[in-house]
Amino acid sequence: MSAPPGSPAASSESAAAEELISIARIVRPQGRRGEVIAELLTDFPERFAKLDVALVKLSSGQISRLRLETSWFHQGRIVLKFAGCDSISQAEELRDAQLFVTREQLVELPLDTYYDFDLVDCEVVTTGGELIGRVTDVQRYGAAPLLAVQDEERREHLIPFVLSICLEIDISRKRITVNPPEGLLEL
């Protein structure tokens, strides 16, 4: 899909130029006027009301800046209308595209809360300095998130992400210091 001539929305971006965080995935066209419907991949859907330009990565891998004309929620998803996308066939070109924001556009979190992607790949060590492994995933089932930590022997340890166990979280150094209860690492 192309943006209107002379529009800043027509410029392409290099994927390596900036770290991008996915906030939505376009599922399919919606309606006849070029709208698309997207799955939300953000905990902050209100961000779309303030978003003027969206970074869109097409299924081909090309990243473009598209001007967002309007957005609204519909049955747990979001409907998006981009400038220059005025037909079903133009909207079809956006199928399976991802919408991104840059790290600078992230919603600021309260103290002692973290984005899951910031925790992934953190080194996990005990208070005694023993390496447990690296965080491969953050699982959210029940009361507290679990850090999935893979050790050097490729075993997975599930460590509750609570302040009583995870004593120090240093995202800039990609390091989490834990004081695991007796037996937790043997599970």
C-alpha atoms as a PDB file:
ATOM      1  CA  MET A   1       0.000   0.000   0.000  1.00  0.00           C
ATOM      2  CA  SER A   2       1.295   3.453  -0.717  1.00  0.00           C
ATOM      3  CA  ALA A   3       0.679   6.642   1.192  1.00  0.00           C
ATOM      4  CA  PRO A   4      -0.549   9.810  -0.522  1.00  0.00           C
ATOM      5  CA  PRO A   5       2.166  11.623  -2.513  1.00  0.00           C
ATOM      6  CA  GLY A   6       4.161  14.085  -0.430  1.00  0.00           C
ATOM      7  CA  SER A   7       2.999  12.494   2.816  1.00  0.00           C
ATOM      8  CA  PRO A   8       5.593  11.774   5.514  1.00  0.00           C
ATOM      9  CA  ALA A   9       3.770   8.480   5.914  1.00  0.00           C
ATOM     10  CA  ALA A  10       5.336   7.230   2.695  1.00  0.00           C
ATOM     11  CA  SER A  11       8.883   6.900   4.084  1.00  0.00           C
ATOM     12  CA  SER A  12      10.320   3.464   4.787  1.00  0.00           C
ATOM     13  CA  GLU A  13      12.337   2.556   7.865  1.00  0.00           C
ATOM     14  CA  SER A  14      15.070   0.023   8.414  1.00  0.00           C
ATOM     15  CA  ALA A  15      14.200  -2.612  11.019  1.00  0.00           C
ATOM     16  CA  ALA A  16      17.702  -2.268  12.448  1.00  0.00           C
ATOM     17  CA  ALA A  17      17.361   1.515  12.820  1.00  0.00           C
ATOM     18  CA  GLU A  18      15.455   1.340  16.091  1.00  0.00           C
ATOM     19  CA  GLU A  19      14.276  -1.208  18.621  1.00  0.00           C
ATOM     20  CA  LEU A  20      10.599  -1.804  17.945  1.00  0.00           C
ATOM     21  CA  ILE A  21       7.938  -3.214  20.263  1.00  0.00           C
ATOM     22  CA  SER A  22       4.803  -4.741  18.734  1.00  0.00           C
ATOM     23  CA  ILE A  23       1.488  -3.301  19.956  1.00  0.00           C
ATOM     24  CA  ALA A  24      -0.975  -4.829  17.452  1.00  0.00           C
ATOM     25  CA  ARG A  25      -1.271  -7.316  14.583  1.00  0.00           C
ATOM     26  CA  ILE A  26      -3.554  -6.543  11.670  1.00  0.00           C
ATOM     27  CA  VAL A  27      -5.881  -9.461  11.090  1.00  0.00           C
ATOM     28  CA  ARG A  28      -7.886  -8.459   8.007  1.00  0.00           C
ATOM     29  CA  PRO A  29      -9.764  -5.660   6.244  1.00  0.00           C
ATOM     30  CA  GLN A  30     -12.839  -4.345   8.073  1.00  0.00           C
ATOM     31  CA  GLY A  31     -15.571  -2.682   6.049  1.00  0.00           C
ATOM     32  CA  ARG A  32     -15.255  -1.207   2.555  1.00  0.00           C
ATOM     33  CA  ARG A  33     -13.397   2.045   3.127  1.00  0.00           C
ATOM     34  CA  GLY A  34      -9.889   0.720   3.815  1.00  0.00           C
ATOM     35  CA  GLU A  35     -10.215   0.065   7.528  1.00  0.00           C
ATOM     36  CA  VAL A  36      -8.448  -2.909   9.108  1.00  0.00           C
ATOM     37  CA  ILE A  37      -9.133  -4.805  12.301  1.00  0.00           C
ATOM     38  CA  ALA A  38      -6.229  -5.706  14.574  1.00  0.00           C
ATOM     39  CA  GLU A  39      -5.511  -7.852  17.608  1.00  0.00           C
ATOM     40  CA  LEU A  40      -4.210  -5.839  20.543  1.00  0.00           C
ATOM     41  CA  LEU A  41      -0.762  -6.838  21.808  1.00  0.00           C
ATOM     42  CA  THR A  42      -0.519  -4.071  24.407  1.00  0.00           C
ATOM     43  CA  ASP A  43      -1.780  -3.612  27.934  1.00  0.00           C
ATOM     44  CA  PHE A  44      -2.337   0.061  27.082  1.00  0.00           C
ATOM     45  CA  PRO A  45      -4.934   0.193  24.270  1.00  0.00           C
ATOM     46  CA  GLU A  46      -5.645   3.852  25.059  1.00  0.00           C
ATOM     47  CA  ARG A  47      -2.340   4.661  23.326  1.00  0.00           C
ATOM     48  CA  PHE A  48      -4.089   4.479  19.935  1.00  0.00           C
ATOM     49  CA  ALA A  49      -6.143   7.614  20.695  1.00  0.00           C
ATOM     50  CA  LYS A  50      -2.881   9.608  20.845  1.00  0.00           C
ATOM     51  CA  LEU A  51      -1.065   7.839  17.991  1.00  0.00           C
ATOM     52  CA  ASP A  52      -0.754  10.005  14.876  1.00  0.00           C
ATOM     53  CA  VAL A  53       1.817   7.958  12.951  1.00  0.00           C
ATOM     54  CA  ALA A  54       2.218   4.203  13.215  1.00  0.00           C
ATOM     55  CA  LEU A  55       5.260   2.135  12.348  1.00  0.00           C
ATOM     56  CA  VAL A  56       3.876  -0.759  10.320  1.00  0.00           C
ATOM     57  CA  LYS A  57       5.905  -3.815   9.356  1.00  0.00           C
ATOM     58  CA  LEU A  58       4.330  -5.554   6.392  1.00  0.00           C
ATOM     59  CA  SER A  59       4.485  -9.328   5.986  1.00  0.00           C
ATOM     60  CA  SER A  60       7.242  -8.695   3.390  1.00  0.00           C
ATOM     61  CA  GLY A  61       9.404  -7.197   6.162  1.00  0.00           C
ATOM     62  CA  GLN A  62       9.192  -3.621   4.884  1.00  0.00           C
ATOM     63  CA  ILE A  63       8.604  -1.047   7.627  1.00  0.00           C
ATOM     64  CA  SER A  64       6.676   2.129   6.813  1.00  0.00           C
ATOM     65  CA  ARG A  65       5.322   5.092   8.721  1.00  0.00           C
ATOM     66  CA  LEU A  66       1.587   5.379   8.100  1.00  0.00           C
ATOM     67  CA  ARG A  67      -0.571   8.249   9.318  1.00  0.00           C
ATOM     68  CA  LEU A  68      -3.395   6.968  11.498  1.00  0.00           C
ATOM     69  CA  GLU A  69      -6.608   8.858  10.728  1.00  0.00           C
ATOM     70  CA  THR A  70      -8.819   7.212  13.317  1.00  0.00           C
ATOM     71  CA  SER A  71      -9.225   4.171  15.542  1.00  0.00           C
ATOM     72  CA  TRP A  72     -12.003   2.608  17.583  1.00  0.00           C
ATOM     73  CA  PHE A  73     -12.601  -0.535  19.571  1.00  0.00           C
ATOM     74  CA  HIS A  74     -14.845  -3.295  18.272  1.00  0.00           C
ATOM     75  CA  GLN A  75     -15.528  -6.614  20.029  1.00  0.00           C
ATOM     76  CA  GLY A  76     -12.199  -6.767  21.890  1.00  0.00           C
ATOM     77  CA  ARG A  77     -10.129  -5.656  18.912  1.00  0.00           C
ATOM     78  CA  ILE A  78      -9.226  -2.311  17.395  1.00  0.00           C
ATOM     79  CA  VAL A  79     -10.281  -0.969  14.006  1.00  0.00           C
ATOM     80  CA  LEU A  80      -7.700   1.291  12.349  1.00  0.00           C
ATOM     81  CA  LYS A  81      -8.020   3.658   9.396  1.00  0.00           C
ATOM     82  CA  PHE A  82      -4.784   4.839   7.766  1.00  0.00           C
ATOM     83  CA  ALA A  83      -4.465   7.813   5.411  1.00  0.00           C
ATOM     84  CA  GLY A  84      -4.256   6.662   1.793  1.00  0.00           C
ATOM     85  CA  CYS A  85      -5.824   3.284   2.518  1.00  0.00           C
ATOM     86  CA  ASP A  86      -9.296   3.773   1.058  1.00  0.00           C
ATOM     87  CA  SER A  87     -10.354   0.403  -0.384  1.00  0.00           C
ATOM     88  CA  ILE A  88     -10.663  -3.225   0.569  1.00  0.00           C
ATOM     89  CA  SER A  89      -7.773  -4.149  -1.763  1.00  0.00           C
ATOM     90  CA  GLN A  90      -5.472  -1.555  -0.150  1.00  0.00           C
ATOM     91  CA  ALA A  91      -6.493  -2.796   3.304  1.00  0.00           C
ATOM     92  CA  GLU A  92      -5.801  -6.379   2.205  1.00  0.00           C
ATOM     93  CA  GLU A  93      -2.140  -5.388   1.645  1.00  0.00           C
ATOM     94  CA  LEU A  94      -1.921  -4.765   5.394  1.00  0.00           C
ATOM     95  CA  ARG A  95      -3.108  -8.251   6.365  1.00  0.00           C
ATOM     96  CA  ASP A  96      -0.726  -9.819   8.953  1.00  0.00           C
ATOM     97  CA  ALA A  97       1.226  -6.567   9.343  1.00  0.00           C
ATOM     98  CA  GLN A  98       2.505  -5.612  12.793  1.00  0.00           C
ATOM     99  CA  LEU A  99       2.177  -2.161  14.403  1.00  0.00           C
ATOM    100  CA  PHE A 100       5.137  -1.049  16.470  1.00  0.00           C
ATOM    101  CA  VAL A 101       6.233   1.686  18.822  1.00  0.00           C
ATOM    102  CA  THR A 102       9.776   2.639  19.696  1.00  0.00           C
ATOM    103  CA  ARG A 103      11.177   2.215  23.194  1.00  0.00           C
ATOM    104  CA  GLU A 104      10.802   5.981  23.663  1.00  0.00           C
ATOM    105  CA  GLN A 105       7.058   5.678  22.995  1.00  0.00           C
ATOM    106  CA  LEU A 106       6.469   3.049  25.673  1.00  0.00           C
ATOM    107  CA  VAL A 107       4.106   3.890  28.504  1.00  0.00           C
ATOM    108  CA  GLU A 108       6.115   4.677  31.622  1.00  0.00           C
ATOM    109  CA  LEU A 109       5.544   1.978  34.227  1.00  0.00           C
ATOM    110  CA  PRO A 110       5.297   2.472  37.988  1.00  0.00           C
ATOM    111  CA  LEU A 111       8.335   1.764  40.140  1.00  0.00           C
ATOM    112  CA  ASP A 112       9.155  -1.961  40.551  1.00  0.00           C
ATOM    113  CA  THR A 113       7.152  -3.017  37.484  1.00  0.00           C
ATOM    114  CA  TYR A 114       8.724  -4.165  34.240  1.00  0.00           C
ATOM    115  CA  TYR A 115       7.858  -5.028  30.693  1.00  0.00           C
ATOM    116  CA  ASP A 116       8.135  -8.778  30.064  1.00  0.00           C
ATOM    117  CA  PHE A 117      10.498  -8.224  27.119  1.00  0.00           C
ATOM    118  CA  ASP A 118      12.894  -6.367  29.446  1.00  0.00           C
ATOM    119  CA  LEU A 119      13.073  -9.402  31.746  1.00  0.00           C
ATOM    120  CA  VAL A 120      13.694 -11.934  28.963  1.00  0.00           C
ATOM    121  CA  ASP A 121      17.401 -12.716  28.556  1.00  0.00           C
ATOM    122  CA  CYS A 122      18.273 -11.404  32.030  1.00  0.00           C
ATOM    123  CA  GLU A 123      20.902 -13.441  33.860  1.00  0.00           C
ATOM    124  CA  VAL A 124      19.521 -14.864  37.117  1.00  0.00           C
ATOM    125  CA  VAL A 125      21.927 -15.308  40.032  1.00  0.00           C
ATOM    126  CA  THR A 126      21.503 -16.155  43.698  1.00  0.00           C
ATOM    127  CA  THR A 127      22.453 -13.743  46.464  1.00  0.00           C
ATOM    128  CA  GLY A 128      25.595 -15.899  46.842  1.00  0.00           C
ATOM    129  CA  GLY A 129      26.581 -15.231  43.200  1.00  0.00           C
ATOM    130  CA  GLU A 130      25.647 -18.670  41.816  1.00  0.00           C
ATOM    131  CA  LEU A 131      24.397 -18.501  38.218  1.00  0.00           C
ATOM    132  CA  ILE A 132      20.988 -20.134  37.827  1.00  0.00           C
ATOM    133  CA  GLY A 133      20.482 -19.322  34.147  1.00  0.00           C
ATOM    134  CA  ARG A 134      18.749 -16.865  31.832  1.00  0.00           C
ATOM    135  CA  VAL A 135      15.104 -15.804  31.646  1.00  0.00           C
ATOM    136  CA  THR A 136      13.551 -17.272  28.496  1.00  0.00           C
ATOM    137  CA  ASP A 137       9.927 -16.311  29.143  1.00  0.00           C
ATOM    138  CA  VAL A 138       7.561 -14.687  31.609  1.00  0.00           C
ATOM    139  CA  GLN A 139       4.516 -16.857  32.279  1.00  0.00           C
ATOM    140  CA  ARG A 140       1.364 -15.277  33.651  1.00  0.00           C
ATOM    141  CA  TYR A 141      -0.886 -17.821  35.317  1.00  0.00           C
ATOM    142  CA  GLY A 142      -2.484 -16.967  38.628  1.00  0.00           C
ATOM    143  CA  ALA A 143      -1.401 -14.533  41.312  1.00  0.00           C
ATOM    144  CA  ALA A 144       2.219 -13.857  40.414  1.00  0.00           C
ATOM    145  CA  PRO A 145       4.142 -14.069  37.148  1.00  0.00           C
ATOM    146  CA  LEU A 146       6.724 -16.835  36.836  1.00  0.00           C
ATOM    147  CA  LEU A 147      10.156 -16.330  35.339  1.00  0.00           C
ATOM    148  CA  ALA A 148      11.034 -19.294  33.122  1.00  0.00           C
ATOM    149  CA  VAL A 149      14.792 -19.603  33.666  1.00  0.00           C
ATOM    150  CA  GLN A 150      16.870 -22.017  31.603  1.00  0.00           C
ATOM    151  CA  ASP A 151      20.131 -23.234  33.129  1.00  0.00           C
ATOM    152  CA  GLU A 152      23.292 -24.333  31.291  1.00  0.00           C
ATOM    153  CA  GLU A 153      21.984 -27.917  31.119  1.00  0.00           C
ATOM    154  CA  ARG A 154      18.811 -26.625  29.392  1.00  0.00           C
ATOM    155  CA  ARG A 155      16.609 -27.405  32.406  1.00  0.00           C
ATOM    156  CA  GLU A 156      13.828 -24.949  33.104  1.00  0.00           C
ATOM    157  CA  HIS A 157      13.252 -23.454  36.544  1.00  0.00           C
ATOM    158  CA  LEU A 158      10.075 -21.501  37.297  1.00  0.00           C
ATOM    159  CA  ILE A 159      10.800 -18.696  39.753  1.00  0.00           C
ATOM    160  CA  PRO A 160       7.934 -16.578  41.117  1.00  0.00           C
ATOM    161  CA  PHE A 161       8.513 -12.943  40.178  1.00  0.00           C
ATOM    162  CA  VAL A 162       7.834 -11.507  43.629  1.00  0.00           C
ATOM    163  CA  LEU A 163       9.920  -9.069  45.649  1.00  0.00           C
ATOM    164  CA  SER A 164      10.424 -11.575  48.472  1.00  0.00           C
ATOM    165  CA  ILE A 165      12.366 -13.843  46.044  1.00  0.00           C
ATOM    166  CA  CYS A 166      13.589 -11.468  43.319  1.00  0.00           C
ATOM    167  CA  LEU A 167      15.522  -9.060  45.499  1.00  0.00           C
ATOM    168  CA  GLU A 168      17.264  -6.981  42.847  1.00  0.00           C
ATOM    169  CA  ILE A 169      16.181  -6.369  39.254  1.00  0.00           C
ATOM    170  CA  ASP A 170      18.744  -4.461  37.184  1.00  0.00           C
ATOM    171  CA  ILE A 171      17.360  -4.154  33.657  1.00  0.00           C
ATOM    172  CA  SER A 172      20.293  -2.036  32.433  1.00  0.00           C
ATOM    173  CA  ARG A 173      22.730  -4.843  33.388  1.00  0.00           C
ATOM    174  CA  LYS A 174      20.220  -7.592  32.416  1.00  0.00           C
ATOM    175  CA  ARG A 175      20.615  -9.191  35.855  1.00  0.00           C
ATOM    176  CA  ILE A 176      18.144 -10.447  38.469  1.00  0.00           C
ATOM    177  CA  THR A 177      19.385 -11.436  41.927  1.00  0.00           C
ATOM    178  CA  VAL A 178      17.185 -13.968  43.713  1.00  0.00           C
ATOM    179  CA  ASN A 179      16.941 -15.595  47.113  1.00  0.00           C
ATOM    180  CA  PRO A 180      15.023 -18.789  46.233  1.00  0.00           C
ATOM    181  CA  PRO A 181      13.253 -20.680  49.010  1.00  0.00           C
ATOM    182  CA  GLU A 182      14.752 -24.051  49.848  1.00  0.00           C
ATOM    183  CA  GLY A 183      13.839 -26.672  47.234  1.00  0.00           C
ATOM    184  CA  LEU A 184      12.546 -24.245  44.593  1.00  0.00           C
ATOM    185  CA  LEU A 185      15.383 -24.911  42.161  1.00  0.00           C
ATOM    186  CA  GLU A 186      15.060 -28.681  42.587  1.00  0.00           C
ATOM    187  CA  LEU A 187      11.477 -28.754  41.287  1.00  0.00           C
END
